[in-house]
């Protein structure tokens, strides 16, 4: 499955009721966000069948960021059946993200 770009308008449709979804709140000017992007691509290749990965550009979609209390980026929130169940802030390794996801998938 490919990584999906989500907007404020499409957030509910793309995330809620979709099983396990990892949402990356990011911005184009954020260095750590650029560093985590290839890690998310690798995760999508490895476990994309079990976990949907979505990205929300906080500059273009401030409502979603505000709704979930995103104060720093990158912030990654794990949603299970539409409900936020876990949150990690800052650059994470692929193994760390796999560990977080394994608790919820």
Foldseek 3Di string as FASTA:
>chain_A
DDEAEDALVCVCVVAAQPFKEKEWEAAPVDPQVVVCVVLVVVCCVVCVVRYHYYYYDCVRHVVVCVVVVPDAPRKIFIDGNHHTDDIDHTRDHSVVVVVVVVVRD
